[in-house]
Amino acid sequence: MDAIQNIQINKYFSKQNLIISGVVMAILSLMGYKLYDKGYLDDFLKNKNDNDNDNDNNNNDNKELDTKPRVTSQDLDRHIQNEFRNIFKVFQKESHLSAKKMAEFNRDFLLKSEYLNYRNKLFTKDIEKQRIMINLDPTTTAGTAKTYDFDTKLTINKINNVIGFNLIRAGIKYEDNTYLSFDLIIDEIPDKALKVNNYGEYIVDSIPVYKNATEIAHYIQILHPENYFFPISLDKLTITLKSWNGSTYGNSSVAVTGYLEFEIVTIKNTEHFNKPHE
């Protein structure tokens, strides 16, 4: 579409040849006027008239001379003025037509740009968010790492260009009622997106639990920090839940059941990262 519009604009501007021709005519007229003003044209006309008079006297002594009307400087001025007036009218007409076509082109271009911006804003976002749910393996114990492969444990595809990771919800139940919380550790998440506890551990979050071992404590994160990092790819999550009872932290080997829900942020436009979109 842009190419067709450019061809049409060039077609209209090709009429400049007419303006150039008019300018050449005006220059030639001006040169003639200069010749006349310097006396060259008068000398030429005088010599021509003398020759005509001599010929007429020799051939017909009784005939009156037929002389051509003399070209005056006023005639040349009027001629030049008329030529410039005509050139100006043509130039004015072509300029008006070109401005009209350019305005139409700009209008179409702006409408197209507005449409593309509106479409991209609605349907082609720079980032996308998705959520995944992990049900803890029945053999999970506090302090022991469990690996959840996307293709086997979660049956989802590898996720590319991940720039953000948050715990949204969690539900934990455990057999021992002496614990207050469990710190969630995931090896694949960059430290930049994590919190640091008082033991120097990088954790996703601390999940509180009930004292009653028969009930499941539902945790919901109210605020989701924008903890973005350089794009990575995720095809698994290695999860460790470390227990805390108020005085002891670490490997308690207590059986833990429940679920974890995560929000994963991916970026679509990776140009500024010098990384091709995957």
Protein backbone atom coordinates (compact mmCIF):
# COMPACT_ATOMS: atom_id res chain seq x y z
CA MET A 1 0.00 0.00 0.00
CA ASP A 2 2.82 2.45 0.90
CA ALA A 3 4.59 1.70 -2.38
CA ILE A 4 1.41 2.45 -4.43
CA GLN A 5 0.90 5.74 -2.61
CA ASN A 6 4.53 6.77 -3.27
CA ILE A 7 4.11 5.99 -7.01
CA GLN A 8 0.97 8.15 -7.13
CA ILE A 9 2.74 11.06 -5.45
CA ASN A 10 5.68 10.81 -7.88
CA LYS A 11 3.18 10.83 -10.76
CA TYR A 12 1.76 14.16 -9.68
CA PHE A 13 5.18 15.74 -9.10
CA SER A 14 6.29 14.75 -12.62
CA LYS A 15 4.39 17.82 -13.88
CA GLN A 16 7.33 19.93 -12.78
CA ASN A 17 8.52 19.63 -16.36
CA LEU A 18 5.81 22.14 -17.32
CA ILE A 19 7.09 24.62 -14.75
CA ILE A 20 10.69 24.17 -15.90
CA SER A 21 9.64 24.84 -19.52
CA GLY A 22 7.91 28.04 -18.46
CA VAL A 23 10.99 29.22 -16.60
CA VAL A 24 13.16 28.57 -19.69
CA MET A 25 10.76 30.61 -21.84
CA ALA A 26 10.88 33.46 -19.35
CA ILE A 27 14.68 33.40 -19.33
CA LEU A 28 14.81 33.51 -23.13
CA SER A 29 12.39 36.43 -23.12
CA LEU A 30 14.52 38.23 -20.57
CA MET A 31 17.61 37.67 -22.69
CA GLY A 32 15.81 39.22 -25.66
CA TYR A 33 14.89 42.21 -23.56
CA LYS A 34 18.49 42.65 -22.47
CA LEU A 35 19.65 42.59 -26.09
CA TYR A 36 17.14 45.23 -26.96
CA ASP A 37 17.97 47.35 -23.95
CA LYS A 38 21.65 47.42 -24.93
CA GLY A 39 20.83 48.57 -28.48
CA TYR A 40 21.65 45.34 -30.29
CA LEU A 41 18.06 44.86 -31.35
CA ASP A 42 17.72 48.51 -32.46
CA ASP A 43 20.86 48.24 -34.59
CA PHE A 44 19.58 45.02 -36.11
CA LEU A 45 16.18 46.55 -36.93
CA LYS A 46 17.79 49.76 -38.25
CA ASN A 47 20.11 47.85 -40.58
CA LYS A 48 17.25 45.73 -41.75
CA ASN A 49 15.08 48.79 -42.42
CA ASP A 50 17.91 50.54 -44.29
CA ASN A 51 18.39 47.52 -46.50
CA ASP A 52 14.67 47.32 -47.14
CA ASN A 53 14.55 51.02 -48.02
CA ASP A 54 17.46 50.71 -50.43
CA ASN A 55 15.83 47.76 -52.15
CA ASP A 56 12.53 49.54 -52.39
CA ASN A 57 14.13 52.71 -53.78
CA ASN A 58 15.93 50.73 -56.42
CA ASN A 59 12.89 48.77 -57.45
CA ASN A 60 10.00 51.14 -56.84
CA ASP A 61 10.91 54.73 -56.29
CA ASN A 62 7.24 55.76 -56.11
CA LYS A 63 6.13 53.14 -53.58
CA GLU A 64 5.94 53.77 -49.89
CA LEU A 65 8.00 51.58 -47.62
CA ASP A 66 6.19 48.82 -45.70
CA THR A 67 7.80 48.76 -42.30
CA LYS A 68 7.06 46.24 -39.57
CA PRO A 69 5.83 47.51 -36.20
CA ARG A 70 8.70 48.38 -33.93
CA VAL A 71 9.09 46.15 -30.80
CA THR A 72 9.35 48.39 -27.77
CA SER A 73 10.64 47.75 -24.27
CA GLN A 74 7.08 48.04 -22.96
CA ASP A 75 6.05 45.18 -25.24
CA LEU A 76 8.84 43.03 -23.91
CA ASP A 77 7.95 43.93 -20.32
CA ARG A 78 4.32 42.98 -20.86
CA HIS A 79 5.36 39.74 -22.52
CA ILE A 80 7.67 38.79 -19.64
CA GLN A 81 5.03 39.71 -17.07
CA ASN A 82 2.44 37.59 -18.85
CA GLU A 83 4.82 34.63 -19.01
CA PHE A 84 5.63 34.87 -15.32
CA ARG A 85 1.93 35.26 -14.51
CA ASN A 86 1.13 32.09 -16.44
CA ILE A 87 4.01 30.20 -14.80
CA PHE A 88 2.87 31.33 -11.36
CA LYS A 89 -0.70 30.16 -12.05
CA VAL A 90 0.54 26.72 -13.11
CA PHE A 91 2.88 26.52 -10.12
CA GLN A 92 0.08 27.58 -7.76
CA LYS A 93 -2.26 24.97 -9.21
CA GLU A 94 0.32 22.18 -8.97
CA SER A 95 1.31 23.20 -5.45
CA HIS A 96 -2.31 23.12 -4.32
CA LEU A 97 -2.81 19.70 -5.92
CA SER A 98 0.41 18.33 -4.39
CA ALA A 99 -0.49 19.68 -0.95
CA LYS A 100 -3.91 18.04 -1.21
CA LYS A 101 -2.41 14.69 -2.17
CA MET A 102 0.19 14.95 0.60
CA ALA A 103 -2.54 15.72 3.14
CA GLU A 104 -4.49 12.66 1.99
CA PHE A 105 -1.36 10.54 2.26
CA ASN A 106 -0.59 11.81 5.78
CA ARG A 107 -4.19 11.22 6.84
CA ASP A 108 -4.13 7.63 5.60
CA PHE A 109 -0.75 7.08 7.25
CA LEU A 110 -1.95 8.44 10.61
CA LEU A 111 -5.12 6.34 10.47
CA LYS A 112 -3.04 3.24 9.78
CA SER A 113 -0.62 4.07 12.60
CA GLU A 114 -3.46 4.67 15.05
CA TYR A 115 -5.01 1.35 14.10
CA LEU A 116 -1.72 -0.51 14.54
CA ASN A 117 -1.09 1.13 17.92
CA TYR A 118 -4.61 0.31 19.08
CA ARG A 119 -4.32 -3.28 17.87
CA ASN A 120 -0.92 -3.78 19.49
CA LYS A 121 -2.15 -2.29 22.74
CA LEU A 122 -5.06 -4.74 22.89
CA PHE A 123 -3.75 -7.90 21.30
CA THR A 124 0.06 -7.69 20.99
CA LYS A 125 1.26 -6.80 24.45
CA ASP A 126 4.92 -6.38 25.32
CA ILE A 127 4.57 -8.81 28.22
CA GLU A 128 2.24 -11.71 28.97
CA LYS A 129 1.32 -13.34 32.24
CA GLN A 130 0.33 -16.93 32.84
CA ARG A 131 -0.29 -19.01 35.95
CA ILE A 132 0.72 -22.56 36.73
CA MET A 133 -0.48 -24.76 39.58
CA ILE A 134 1.71 -27.36 41.25
CA ASN A 135 0.28 -30.00 43.57
CA LEU A 136 3.04 -31.09 45.91
CA ASP A 137 4.33 -34.59 45.44
CA PRO A 138 2.83 -36.93 48.11
CA THR A 139 6.34 -37.91 49.21
CA THR A 140 7.39 -34.30 49.89
CA THR A 141 9.10 -33.69 53.21
CA ALA A 142 10.34 -30.42 54.69
CA GLY A 143 13.94 -29.63 53.75
CA THR A 144 14.08 -32.04 50.79
CA ALA A 145 14.21 -30.74 47.19
CA LYS A 146 11.69 -32.01 44.64
CA THR A 147 12.05 -31.42 40.90
CA TYR A 148 8.91 -30.78 38.84
CA ASP A 149 9.64 -31.18 35.12
CA PHE A 150 7.23 -29.29 32.91
CA ASP A 151 6.84 -32.04 30.34
CA THR A 152 6.30 -34.92 32.79
CA LYS A 153 5.02 -33.59 36.12
CA LEU A 154 3.10 -30.59 34.76
CA THR A 155 2.53 -31.60 31.10
CA ILE A 156 3.22 -28.07 29.83
CA ASN A 157 5.75 -26.81 27.31
CA LYS A 158 9.01 -25.08 28.08
CA ILE A 159 8.46 -21.38 28.82
CA ASN A 160 10.89 -18.99 27.10
CA ASN A 161 11.73 -15.34 27.78
CA VAL A 162 10.66 -15.43 31.43
CA ILE A 163 11.34 -12.09 33.16
CA GLY A 164 9.14 -12.33 36.27
CA PHE A 165 8.08 -14.95 38.81
CA ASN A 166 5.72 -14.64 41.82
CA LEU A 167 3.94 -16.90 44.27
CA ILE A 168 0.22 -16.04 44.03
CA ARG A 169 -1.44 -18.61 46.29
CA ALA A 170 -0.46 -21.57 48.42
CA GLY A 171 -2.04 -24.12 50.68
CA ILE A 172 0.08 -26.14 53.15
CA LYS A 173 -0.83 -28.92 55.57
CA TYR A 174 1.72 -30.81 57.67
CA GLU A 175 1.68 -33.62 60.22
CA ASP A 176 3.47 -31.85 63.07
CA ASN A 177 1.70 -28.94 64.80
CA THR A 178 4.86 -27.34 66.17
CA TYR A 179 5.75 -25.31 63.06
CA LEU A 180 4.85 -21.73 62.19
CA SER A 181 5.81 -21.45 58.51
CA PHE A 182 7.68 -22.94 55.56
CA ASP A 183 10.16 -21.00 53.43
CA LEU A 184 9.76 -21.71 49.70
CA ILE A 185 13.05 -22.08 47.79
CA ILE A 186 13.20 -22.55 43.99
CA ASP A 187 16.67 -23.04 42.49
CA GLU A 188 15.85 -21.89 38.94
CA ILE A 189 14.66 -18.39 39.87
CA PRO A 190 17.36 -15.63 39.82
CA ASP A 191 18.28 -14.10 43.16
CA LYS A 192 17.14 -10.67 41.91
CA ALA A 193 13.52 -11.86 42.06
CA LEU A 194 13.79 -13.40 45.54
CA LYS A 195 13.76 -12.34 49.18
CA VAL A 196 16.48 -13.01 51.72
CA ASN A 197 15.58 -14.42 55.16
CA ASN A 198 17.58 -13.96 58.35
CA TYR A 199 19.58 -17.12 57.55
CA GLY A 200 20.85 -15.69 54.25
CA GLU A 201 18.61 -17.98 52.19
CA TYR A 202 17.09 -16.66 48.94
CA ILE A 203 13.41 -17.56 49.16
CA VAL A 204 10.32 -16.94 47.02
CA ASP A 205 8.23 -16.35 50.14
CA SER A 206 7.46 -17.60 53.62
CA ILE A 207 4.16 -19.53 53.81
CA PRO A 208 2.42 -19.53 57.21
CA VAL A 209 0.62 -22.64 58.46
CA TYR A 210 -1.93 -23.50 61.14
CA LYS A 211 -1.04 -25.07 64.46
CA ASN A 212 -3.74 -27.65 63.78
CA ALA A 213 -2.15 -30.39 61.67
CA THR A 214 -5.52 -31.46 60.25
CA GLU A 215 -6.29 -28.16 58.50
CA ILE A 216 -4.74 -26.63 55.41
CA ALA A 217 -3.63 -23.00 55.59
CA HIS A 218 -4.47 -20.98 52.46
CA TYR A 219 -2.00 -18.23 51.72
CA ILE A 220 -2.78 -15.44 49.18
CA GLN A 221 -0.25 -12.82 48.19
CA ILE A 222 -1.95 -9.43 48.15
CA LEU A 223 0.80 -7.36 46.54
CA HIS A 224 2.71 -8.70 43.52
CA PRO A 225 6.12 -7.02 43.25
CA GLU A 226 7.49 -6.31 39.76
CA ASN A 227 10.70 -8.23 40.35
CA TYR A 228 11.81 -8.45 36.73
CA PHE A 229 15.11 -10.01 35.63
CA PHE A 230 17.00 -10.80 32.41
CA PRO A 231 15.03 -13.28 30.26
CA ILE A 232 15.51 -16.95 31.07
CA SER A 233 13.89 -20.21 29.99
CA LEU A 234 12.09 -22.53 32.36
CA ASP A 235 11.41 -26.21 31.76
CA LYS A 236 11.42 -27.31 35.41
CA LEU A 237 11.16 -26.05 39.01
CA THR A 238 13.24 -27.49 41.84
CA ILE A 239 11.25 -26.80 45.02
CA THR A 240 12.37 -27.00 48.64
CA LEU A 241 10.19 -26.17 51.68
CA LYS A 242 12.21 -25.42 54.82
CA SER A 243 10.36 -25.47 58.15
CA TRP A 244 10.48 -22.87 60.90
CA ASN A 245 9.10 -23.43 64.40
CA GLY A 246 10.26 -20.21 66.00
CA SER A 247 13.71 -21.44 66.99
CA THR A 248 14.76 -24.18 64.58
CA TYR A 249 15.13 -23.74 60.81
CA GLY A 250 16.06 -26.33 58.25
CA ASN A 251 15.60 -30.03 57.55
CA SER A 252 12.82 -31.32 59.78
CA SER A 253 11.79 -34.22 57.50
CA VAL A 254 8.13 -33.44 58.30
CA ALA A 255 5.69 -34.64 55.61
CA VAL A 256 4.16 -31.72 53.75
CA THR A 257 1.11 -31.72 51.47
CA GLY A 258 -0.64 -28.94 49.61
CA TYR A 259 -0.42 -26.83 46.45
CA LEU A 260 1.45 -23.84 45.02
CA GLU A 261 0.23 -21.36 42.38
CA PHE A 262 2.71 -19.18 40.50
CA GLU A 263 2.46 -16.26 38.09
CA ILE A 264 5.06 -16.31 35.31
CA VAL A 265 5.73 -13.16 33.29
CA THR A 266 7.17 -13.48 29.78
CA ILE A 267 8.28 -10.73 27.40
CA LYS A 268 7.40 -10.70 23.72
CA ASN A 269 9.66 -7.89 22.51
CA THR A 270 13.28 -8.88 23.20
CA GLU A 271 14.99 -6.35 20.88
CA HIS A 272 16.43 -4.32 23.78
CA PHE A 273 17.91 -7.50 25.31
CA ASN A 274 19.95 -8.34 22.18
CA LYS A 275 18.22 -11.68 22.29
CA PRO A 276 16.06 -13.22 19.52
CA HIS A 277 12.44 -13.93 20.33
CA GLU A 278 12.01 -17.63 21.11
